[in-house]
Amino acid sequence: MLNLLRRRGNRPGPIRCFAATTALAILLSGCQSMDSGALVISAAPPSISGPAAGAIAGDIVSRLAEQIGQGKATVALKQDGSPFGQALEAALRGWGYAVVTDQKTDGGAAVVRLAYVIVPYDGQVLARLSTSSVELGRAYTVTTSGATPASALSLMRRG
């Protein structure tokens, strides 16, 4: 036990090494939780059918409109060219939003950057829409004729 407290040459003692390692681990763990503010890259599997993509997009855009206001902003949509991306763009336009996909606007309008992710999981798909101020998520059961919500809406507000 006394050997643990003794210093050997120029090396720091084991307790000092442990304390330094713990402090470094605590500092680095804080870096993992810092939000960079950037949105994820939009991605959806091309295997989702048109009717299912339309049903998911229609439902989740209606929930988004409840959070950011219907048609009050220009939406900058990062698309991946999937059926869901096209259905999402159509649903946004249907709710009165101006949609730009080339990331350019006239400069005067309020712009809401929007990204989406669709992930197949355990026989369902998980859909997520992200903006800088709000994130919506929901699970859907996909059938050949469409999709139905399989979970409650998950809502996270930022700032």
Protein backbone atom coordinates (compact mmCIF):
# COMPACT_ATOMS: atom_id res chain seq x y z
CA MET A 1 0.00 0.00 0.00
CA LEU A 2 2.82 2.38 0.78
CA ASN A 3 4.28 1.80 -2.68
CA LEU A 4 1.23 3.47 -4.21
CA LEU A 5 1.98 6.74 -2.45
CA ARG A 6 5.71 6.82 -3.16
CA ARG A 7 7.09 8.73 -6.07
CA ARG A 8 9.57 6.99 -8.34
CA GLY A 9 12.08 9.22 -10.12
CA ASN A 10 10.62 11.73 -12.59
CA ARG A 11 7.35 9.84 -13.06
CA PRO A 12 4.19 11.09 -11.35
CA GLY A 13 2.70 8.78 -8.78
CA PRO A 14 -0.16 6.40 -9.58
CA ILE A 15 -2.74 8.52 -7.77
CA ARG A 16 -1.65 11.62 -9.68
CA CYS A 17 -1.79 9.65 -12.98
CA PHE A 18 -5.28 8.42 -12.11
CA ALA A 19 -6.43 11.96 -11.25
CA ALA A 20 -5.00 13.37 -14.48
CA THR A 21 -6.60 10.61 -16.57
CA THR A 22 -9.97 11.12 -14.87
CA ALA A 23 -9.85 14.88 -15.43
CA LEU A 24 -8.99 14.37 -19.10
CA ALA A 25 -11.84 11.86 -19.53
CA ILE A 26 -14.33 14.29 -17.96
CA LEU A 27 -13.21 17.13 -20.22
CA LEU A 28 -13.41 14.98 -23.36
CA SER A 29 -16.83 13.57 -22.47
CA GLY A 30 -18.20 17.13 -22.55
CA CYS A 31 -17.05 17.43 -26.18
CA GLN A 32 -19.26 14.54 -27.23
CA SER A 33 -22.45 16.25 -26.10
CA MET A 34 -21.76 19.62 -27.70
CA ASP A 35 -24.14 20.37 -30.57
CA SER A 36 -22.52 21.75 -33.67
CA GLY A 37 -25.82 23.19 -34.91
CA ALA A 38 -25.45 21.48 -38.29
CA LEU A 39 -28.22 19.35 -39.69
CA VAL A 40 -27.74 15.76 -40.72
CA ILE A 41 -27.59 14.83 -44.38
CA SER A 42 -31.01 13.76 -45.65
CA ALA A 43 -31.34 10.06 -46.33
CA ALA A 44 -34.19 7.67 -47.08
CA PRO A 45 -34.09 4.15 -48.52
CA PRO A 46 -35.41 3.93 -52.08
CA SER A 47 -37.35 0.79 -51.13
CA ILE A 48 -40.20 2.81 -49.56
CA SER A 49 -43.09 2.87 -52.03
CA GLY A 50 -44.66 6.06 -53.31
CA PRO A 51 -47.94 5.67 -51.35
CA ALA A 52 -46.05 4.92 -48.12
CA ALA A 53 -43.67 7.85 -48.67
CA GLY A 54 -46.63 10.15 -49.33
CA ALA A 55 -48.47 9.02 -46.19
CA ILE A 56 -45.40 9.47 -43.97
CA ALA A 57 -44.55 12.86 -45.49
CA GLY A 58 -48.13 14.10 -45.20
CA ASP A 59 -48.39 13.13 -41.54
CA ILE A 60 -45.03 14.45 -40.41
CA VAL A 61 -45.32 17.74 -42.34
CA SER A 62 -48.69 18.39 -40.71
CA ARG A 63 -46.97 18.00 -37.33
CA LEU A 64 -44.12 20.25 -38.44
CA ALA A 65 -46.64 22.93 -39.45
CA GLU A 66 -48.03 22.84 -35.90
CA GLN A 67 -44.57 23.64 -34.56
CA ILE A 68 -43.22 26.28 -36.96
CA GLY A 69 -46.43 27.74 -38.34
CA GLN A 70 -48.16 26.89 -41.59
CA GLY A 71 -46.52 28.39 -44.68
CA LYS A 72 -44.70 31.12 -42.76
CA ALA A 73 -41.20 30.42 -44.04
CA THR A 74 -39.20 29.24 -46.97
CA VAL A 75 -37.95 25.71 -46.41
CA ALA A 76 -34.44 24.86 -47.61
CA LEU A 77 -34.65 21.10 -48.14
CA LYS A 78 -31.59 18.91 -48.49
CA GLN A 79 -32.86 16.06 -50.65
CA ASP A 80 -31.43 12.68 -51.55
CA GLY A 81 -33.67 12.05 -54.59
CA SER A 82 -35.60 9.20 -52.93
CA PRO A 83 -39.39 8.77 -53.24
CA PHE A 84 -39.69 10.09 -49.69
CA GLY A 85 -37.71 13.22 -50.53
CA GLN A 86 -40.01 13.94 -53.44
CA ALA A 87 -43.12 13.24 -51.35
CA LEU A 88 -41.81 15.48 -48.58
CA GLU A 89 -41.25 18.34 -51.01
CA ALA A 90 -44.81 17.91 -52.36
CA ALA A 91 -46.27 17.80 -48.83
CA LEU A 92 -44.39 20.97 -47.83
CA ARG A 93 -45.71 22.78 -50.90
CA GLY A 94 -49.21 21.47 -50.12
CA TRP A 95 -49.00 23.07 -46.67
CA GLY A 96 -48.09 26.42 -48.23
CA TYR A 97 -44.33 26.44 -47.76
CA ALA A 98 -42.01 27.77 -50.42
CA VAL A 99 -39.39 25.07 -50.96
CA VAL A 100 -35.87 25.56 -52.27
CA THR A 101 -33.67 22.56 -52.88
CA ASP A 102 -30.60 24.30 -54.29
CA GLN A 103 -29.99 26.12 -50.97
CA LYS A 104 -30.41 29.57 -52.57
CA THR A 105 -33.06 32.10 -51.55
CA ASP A 106 -33.87 35.69 -52.39
CA GLY A 107 -32.41 36.83 -49.07
CA GLY A 108 -35.55 38.55 -47.72
CA ALA A 109 -37.51 35.49 -46.63
CA ALA A 110 -37.10 33.61 -43.38
CA VAL A 111 -35.41 30.31 -44.24
CA VAL A 112 -35.91 27.10 -42.28
CA ARG A 113 -33.28 24.49 -43.11
CA LEU A 114 -34.83 21.03 -43.08
CA ALA A 115 -33.25 17.58 -43.20
CA TYR A 116 -34.82 14.14 -42.88
CA VAL A 117 -33.81 10.59 -42.11
CA ILE A 118 -35.84 7.44 -42.74
CA VAL A 119 -34.46 4.27 -41.14
CA PRO A 120 -35.99 0.78 -41.46
CA TYR A 121 -36.12 -0.90 -38.05
CA ASP A 122 -37.73 -4.12 -36.89
CA GLY A 123 -40.46 -4.24 -39.57
CA GLN A 124 -41.23 -0.52 -39.28
CA VAL A 125 -39.59 2.68 -40.42
CA LEU A 126 -38.47 5.51 -38.18
CA ALA A 127 -38.92 8.97 -39.70
CA ARG A 128 -37.19 12.10 -38.40
CA LEU A 129 -37.41 15.72 -39.56
CA SER A 130 -34.81 18.14 -38.22
CA THR A 131 -34.61 21.94 -38.25
CA SER A 132 -32.36 24.18 -36.21
CA SER A 133 -35.17 24.74 -33.67
CA VAL A 134 -37.23 21.56 -33.63
CA GLU A 135 -36.87 17.85 -34.31
CA LEU A 136 -39.80 15.50 -34.94
CA GLY A 137 -39.71 11.72 -35.00
CA ARG A 138 -42.20 8.91 -35.34
CA ALA A 139 -42.34 5.20 -36.18
CA TYR A 140 -44.57 4.00 -39.02
CA THR A 141 -45.86 0.63 -40.14
CA VAL A 142 -45.46 0.44 -43.90
CA THR A 143 -47.87 -1.51 -46.12
CA THR A 144 -48.23 -1.72 -49.88
CA SER A 145 -51.07 0.80 -49.81
CA GLY A 146 -49.45 3.36 -47.49
CA ALA A 147 -48.20 3.81 -43.95
CA THR A 148 -49.78 4.30 -40.55
CA PRO A 149 -48.25 5.80 -37.40
CA ALA A 150 -47.02 3.08 -35.04
CA SER A 151 -45.88 5.37 -32.20
CA ALA A 152 -46.56 8.69 -30.61
CA LEU A 153 -44.87 11.75 -32.05
CA SER A 154 -41.49 12.52 -30.54
CA LEU A 155 -40.80 16.26 -30.29
CA MET A 156 -37.59 17.97 -29.26
CA ARG A 157 -37.23 21.75 -29.16
CA ARG A 158 -33.84 23.43 -29.22
CA GLY A 159 -32.85 26.77 -27.75
